[in-house]
Amino acid sequence: MKNSLRNAASSISSPVERRLFAEYGAVFATTAVPPPVIIFADAARVDAFQASLSTSSAFLGAHEIRLQAKALDALLAAASEMAGQGEIITARAADAGGRSYEDTIRLWTRNVDRGLEHWQQLGRMTGEQAVSIRELVPGDQVAAILGLEETEQLFFGTFFDRSILYSVAAPGASQHLSMLAFDVAEYADREVERMLGRHGWYRTVPNDIPHFTYLGHQEATLPDFGLHRIERTYTERMYDFWTPDLDRL
């Protein structure tokens, strides 16, 4: 298991994969089943992977979510302990758990379309350029968008001042596709954060505070698996995130 993250890092074959691994690669340190690739190429590969998993579903609040069974068992255990304290852990939305490839395409395309319209209106992009980007297959479109952000500072995040990856995962790269991610409604509750950590759930995507990933390890051991803790401040509060330690890997 200690080699899973290192093996994934050694498979990186492009700058785009390196960027996506830095953003979402912590999932490879899970004690459950990690994804077979850094980025799935299409829906068929996602469907085949998800079909191979042992999954289960449960309601957390108003929404039913599906996850890998091991991850869901740990999440339900955390929720049960919280309930014993008179508090709750619930899903933030209907898509808070596992997602399909089509879900990630829909979320990505929403941001891409908004960004293309925004930069055309400002005269930073021509209509022809926008059409050419829309016609790209997902993998090529991810590379094109990230390239525009890096070289032209044409950002596709929600407020057009940050990378699109601050708002949505690239198609095929989301940890939700591996059925190991959960978006928590009570994400600002420190006791919820502590309880999730007791059961192997941690923040792993620095730009996504409600998002937790099932790693299954005790926090003190996470550096042994190639992760390091980074801190980010949002609305005057410091949050911890566990991400791949690229310098060590």
Protein backbone atom coordinates (compact mmCIF):
# COMPACT_ATOMS: atom_id res chain seq x y z
CA MET A 1 0.00 0.00 0.00
CA LYS A 2 2.89 2.37 0.73
CA ASN A 3 3.94 2.07 -2.90
CA SER A 4 0.57 3.01 -4.43
CA LEU A 5 1.18 6.74 -4.40
CA ARG A 6 4.77 6.34 -5.58
CA ASN A 7 3.69 4.00 -8.38
CA ALA A 8 1.08 6.52 -9.53
CA ALA A 9 3.66 9.31 -9.44
CA SER A 10 6.07 7.23 -11.53
CA SER A 11 3.37 6.77 -14.19
CA ILE A 12 3.04 10.51 -14.87
CA SER A 13 3.55 11.04 -18.59
CA SER A 14 2.65 14.69 -19.21
CA PRO A 15 2.56 18.12 -17.54
CA VAL A 16 -1.24 17.84 -17.36
CA GLU A 17 -1.04 14.52 -15.51
CA ARG A 18 1.51 16.01 -13.12
CA ARG A 19 -0.79 18.95 -12.39
CA LEU A 20 -3.80 16.69 -11.83
CA PHE A 21 -1.78 14.31 -9.66
CA ALA A 22 -0.70 17.24 -7.49
CA GLU A 23 -4.35 18.29 -7.13
CA TYR A 24 -6.07 14.93 -6.63
CA GLY A 25 -3.36 12.28 -6.21
CA ALA A 26 -3.84 11.75 -2.45
CA VAL A 27 -6.54 9.23 -3.34
CA PHE A 28 -3.82 6.78 -4.39
CA ALA A 29 -2.83 6.42 -0.72
CA THR A 30 -6.21 4.92 0.22
CA THR A 31 -6.60 1.59 2.00
CA ALA A 32 -9.63 0.99 -0.25
CA VAL A 33 -9.29 0.55 -4.04
CA PRO A 34 -7.46 3.44 -5.72
CA PRO A 35 -8.13 4.39 -9.34
CA PRO A 36 -6.02 2.58 -11.94
CA VAL A 37 -4.98 5.83 -13.66
CA ILE A 38 -4.45 9.50 -12.84
CA ILE A 39 -7.13 10.52 -15.34
CA PHE A 40 -9.76 8.28 -16.93
CA ALA A 41 -9.95 8.74 -20.69
CA ASP A 42 -13.69 8.19 -21.12
CA ALA A 43 -16.96 7.00 -19.62
CA ALA A 44 -16.39 3.35 -20.58
CA ARG A 45 -13.24 3.14 -18.48
CA VAL A 46 -14.93 4.81 -15.51
CA ASP A 47 -17.94 2.50 -15.79
CA ALA A 48 -15.71 -0.59 -15.94
CA PHE A 49 -13.74 0.51 -12.88
CA GLN A 50 -16.82 1.34 -10.85
CA ALA A 51 -18.43 -1.98 -11.81
CA SER A 52 -15.40 -3.79 -10.41
CA LEU A 53 -15.78 -2.19 -6.97
CA SER A 54 -17.66 -3.35 -3.91
CA THR A 55 -20.00 -0.42 -3.26
CA SER A 56 -22.95 0.35 -1.04
CA SER A 57 -25.29 3.26 -0.50
CA ALA A 58 -26.96 5.03 2.41
CA PHE A 59 -28.78 8.23 3.22
CA LEU A 60 -26.83 10.90 5.02
CA GLY A 61 -29.40 13.55 5.65
CA ALA A 62 -31.70 14.14 2.71
CA HIS A 63 -29.42 12.61 0.09
CA GLU A 64 -28.57 9.00 -0.70
CA ILE A 65 -24.93 8.52 -1.64
CA ARG A 66 -22.97 5.58 -3.03
CA LEU A 67 -19.34 4.90 -2.13
CA GLN A 68 -16.90 2.05 -1.96
CA ALA A 69 -18.23 -0.13 0.85
CA LYS A 70 -15.15 0.28 3.02
CA ALA A 71 -15.32 4.06 2.74
CA LEU A 72 -19.04 4.20 3.43
CA ASP A 73 -18.70 1.96 6.50
CA ALA A 74 -16.12 4.35 7.94
CA LEU A 75 -18.28 7.36 7.11
CA LEU A 76 -21.36 5.84 8.74
CA ALA A 77 -19.32 5.00 11.82
CA ALA A 78 -18.25 8.64 12.06
CA ALA A 79 -21.84 9.79 11.58
CA SER A 80 -23.02 7.39 14.27
CA GLU A 81 -20.49 8.71 16.77
CA MET A 82 -21.52 12.26 15.96
CA ALA A 83 -25.17 11.36 16.46
CA GLY A 84 -24.26 10.05 19.91
CA GLN A 85 -23.03 13.55 20.69
CA GLY A 86 -26.24 15.11 19.40
CA GLU A 87 -24.63 16.32 16.14
CA ILE A 88 -24.82 15.24 12.52
CA ILE A 89 -22.79 14.51 9.40
CA THR A 90 -24.84 14.90 6.23
CA ALA A 91 -24.33 15.08 2.48
CA ARG A 92 -24.01 18.57 1.03
CA ALA A 93 -25.91 17.70 -2.18
CA ALA A 94 -27.27 14.79 -4.20
CA ASP A 95 -23.88 14.33 -5.92
CA ALA A 96 -21.88 14.48 -2.67
CA GLY A 97 -20.65 10.89 -3.04
CA GLY A 98 -19.79 8.81 -6.08
CA ARG A 99 -20.22 10.36 -9.50
CA SER A 100 -20.28 9.22 -13.09
CA TYR A 101 -17.95 10.40 -15.83
CA GLU A 102 -20.92 12.25 -17.32
CA ASP A 103 -21.35 14.15 -14.04
CA THR A 104 -17.77 15.40 -14.22
CA ILE A 105 -18.18 16.39 -17.86
CA ARG A 106 -21.32 18.37 -17.03
CA LEU A 107 -19.64 20.29 -14.20
CA TRP A 108 -16.49 20.94 -16.23
CA THR A 109 -18.41 22.09 -19.32
CA ARG A 110 -20.43 24.54 -17.25
CA ASN A 111 -17.28 26.35 -16.20
CA VAL A 112 -15.64 26.14 -19.61
CA ASP A 113 -18.69 27.64 -21.34
CA ARG A 114 -18.94 30.47 -18.81
CA GLY A 115 -15.24 31.19 -19.15
CA LEU A 116 -15.28 31.23 -22.94
CA GLU A 117 -18.21 33.65 -22.96
CA HIS A 118 -16.53 35.86 -20.36
CA TRP A 119 -13.20 36.17 -22.18
CA GLN A 120 -14.91 36.74 -25.54
CA GLN A 121 -16.95 39.58 -24.07
CA LEU A 122 -13.74 41.17 -22.79
CA GLY A 123 -12.11 40.83 -26.19
CA ARG A 124 -9.42 38.47 -24.91
CA MET A 125 -10.56 35.61 -27.12
CA THR A 126 -12.10 35.34 -30.57
CA GLY A 127 -15.22 33.39 -31.42
CA GLU A 128 -13.12 31.06 -33.57
CA GLN A 129 -10.84 30.28 -30.65
CA ALA A 130 -13.83 29.53 -28.43
CA VAL A 131 -15.37 27.19 -31.01
CA SER A 132 -12.08 25.32 -31.45
CA ILE A 133 -11.84 24.74 -27.68
CA ARG A 134 -15.46 23.58 -27.42
CA GLU A 135 -14.86 21.01 -30.17
CA LEU A 136 -11.89 19.38 -28.42
CA VAL A 137 -12.24 15.96 -26.82
CA PRO A 138 -12.14 16.20 -23.00
CA GLY A 139 -8.49 15.29 -22.53
CA ASP A 140 -7.31 17.81 -25.11
CA GLN A 141 -9.70 20.43 -23.76
CA VAL A 142 -8.27 20.07 -20.25
CA ALA A 143 -4.77 20.64 -21.63
CA ALA A 144 -5.95 23.66 -23.65
CA ILE A 145 -7.75 25.31 -20.73
CA LEU A 146 -4.86 24.79 -18.31
CA GLY A 147 -2.51 26.10 -20.98
CA LEU A 148 -4.55 29.28 -21.45
CA GLU A 149 -4.57 29.83 -17.71
CA GLU A 150 -0.82 29.43 -17.44
CA THR A 151 0.32 31.37 -20.50
CA GLU A 152 -2.44 33.95 -21.02
CA GLN A 153 -3.89 34.29 -17.50
CA LEU A 154 -7.33 33.53 -18.92
CA PHE A 155 -8.77 31.82 -15.86
CA PHE A 156 -11.85 29.64 -15.92
CA GLY A 157 -12.61 29.43 -12.20
CA THR A 158 -16.01 30.60 -10.98
CA PHE A 159 -14.93 34.25 -10.64
CA PHE A 160 -12.40 34.15 -13.51
CA ASP A 161 -9.53 35.03 -11.17
CA ARG A 162 -8.26 31.51 -10.43
CA SER A 163 -7.75 28.24 -12.20
CA ILE A 164 -10.76 26.18 -13.20
CA LEU A 165 -9.38 23.51 -10.85
CA TYR A 166 -10.35 25.76 -7.93
CA SER A 167 -13.97 25.26 -8.98
CA VAL A 168 -14.27 21.84 -10.59
CA ALA A 169 -12.17 18.75 -11.22
CA ALA A 170 -10.99 17.92 -14.71
CA PRO A 171 -13.10 15.23 -16.45
CA GLY A 172 -11.79 11.82 -15.48
CA ALA A 173 -9.68 13.08 -12.56
CA SER A 174 -12.26 13.62 -9.81
CA GLN A 175 -11.86 11.56 -6.65
CA HIS A 176 -15.65 11.13 -6.75
CA LEU A 177 -15.18 8.79 -9.74
CA SER A 178 -13.29 6.40 -7.47
CA MET A 179 -16.25 6.42 -5.05
CA LEU A 180 -13.92 7.64 -2.29
CA ALA A 181 -14.94 11.29 -1.90
CA PHE A 182 -17.71 12.89 0.13
CA ASP A 183 -18.82 16.53 0.29
CA VAL A 184 -19.88 17.34 3.84
CA ALA A 185 -22.65 19.82 4.62
CA GLU A 186 -21.18 20.55 8.07
CA TYR A 187 -17.69 21.19 6.71
CA ALA A 188 -17.01 24.20 8.97
CA ASP A 189 -17.67 22.19 12.16
CA ARG A 190 -14.33 21.37 13.79
CA GLU A 191 -15.79 18.37 15.61
CA VAL A 192 -17.03 16.93 12.31
CA GLU A 193 -13.55 17.38 10.87
CA ARG A 194 -11.98 15.66 13.90
CA MET A 195 -14.46 12.77 13.81
CA LEU A 196 -13.98 12.17 10.10
CA GLY A 197 -10.23 12.07 10.64
CA ARG A 198 -10.67 9.47 13.40
CA HIS A 199 -12.32 7.27 10.78
CA GLY A 200 -9.83 7.85 7.96
CA TRP A 201 -11.48 10.74 6.10
CA TYR A 202 -9.39 13.86 5.35
CA ARG A 203 -9.38 16.99 3.26
CA THR A 204 -7.14 16.38 0.25
CA VAL A 205 -8.09 19.09 -2.29
CA PRO A 206 -6.87 22.51 -1.07
CA ASN A 207 -9.42 24.51 -3.02
CA ASP A 208 -12.42 22.46 -1.85
CA ILE A 209 -13.16 22.77 1.87
CA PRO A 210 -16.32 20.57 2.00
CA HIS A 211 -14.54 17.75 0.14
CA PHE A 212 -13.15 14.83 2.17
CA THR A 213 -11.42 11.73 0.82
CA TYR A 214 -11.29 8.27 2.37
CA LEU A 215 -7.66 7.32 2.97
CA GLY A 216 -8.26 4.92 5.86
CA HIS A 217 -5.04 5.67 7.75
CA GLN A 218 -4.40 7.30 11.07
CA GLU A 219 -3.31 10.90 10.57
CA ALA A 220 0.11 10.39 12.17
CA THR A 221 1.00 7.80 9.52
CA LEU A 222 0.00 9.77 6.43
CA PRO A 223 3.55 11.06 5.74
CA ASP A 224 4.66 7.42 5.55
CA PHE A 225 2.44 7.01 2.50
CA GLY A 226 3.92 9.94 0.56
CA LEU A 227 1.59 12.70 1.72
CA HIS A 228 2.31 15.97 3.46
CA ARG A 229 0.07 18.42 5.22
CA ILE A 230 -0.40 21.91 3.86
CA GLU A 231 -2.38 24.75 5.37
CA ARG A 232 -4.68 27.24 3.70
CA THR A 233 -6.66 30.13 5.20
CA TYR A 234 -10.29 30.67 4.14
CA THR A 235 -12.55 33.27 5.74
CA GLU A 236 -10.03 33.81 8.56
CA ARG A 237 -9.78 30.14 9.48
CA MET A 238 -6.89 27.77 8.85
CA TYR A 239 -7.65 24.40 7.24
CA ASP A 240 -5.38 21.38 6.83
CA PHE A 241 -5.13 19.36 3.61
CA TRP A 242 -3.16 16.20 2.86
CA THR A 243 -1.64 16.21 -0.63
CA PRO A 244 1.09 14.29 -2.50
CA ASP A 245 4.58 15.31 -1.41
CA LEU A 246 5.99 15.68 -4.92
CA ASP A 247 9.49 16.50 -3.72
CA ARG A 248 9.71 13.15 -1.92
CA LEU A 249 7.93 11.17 -4.62
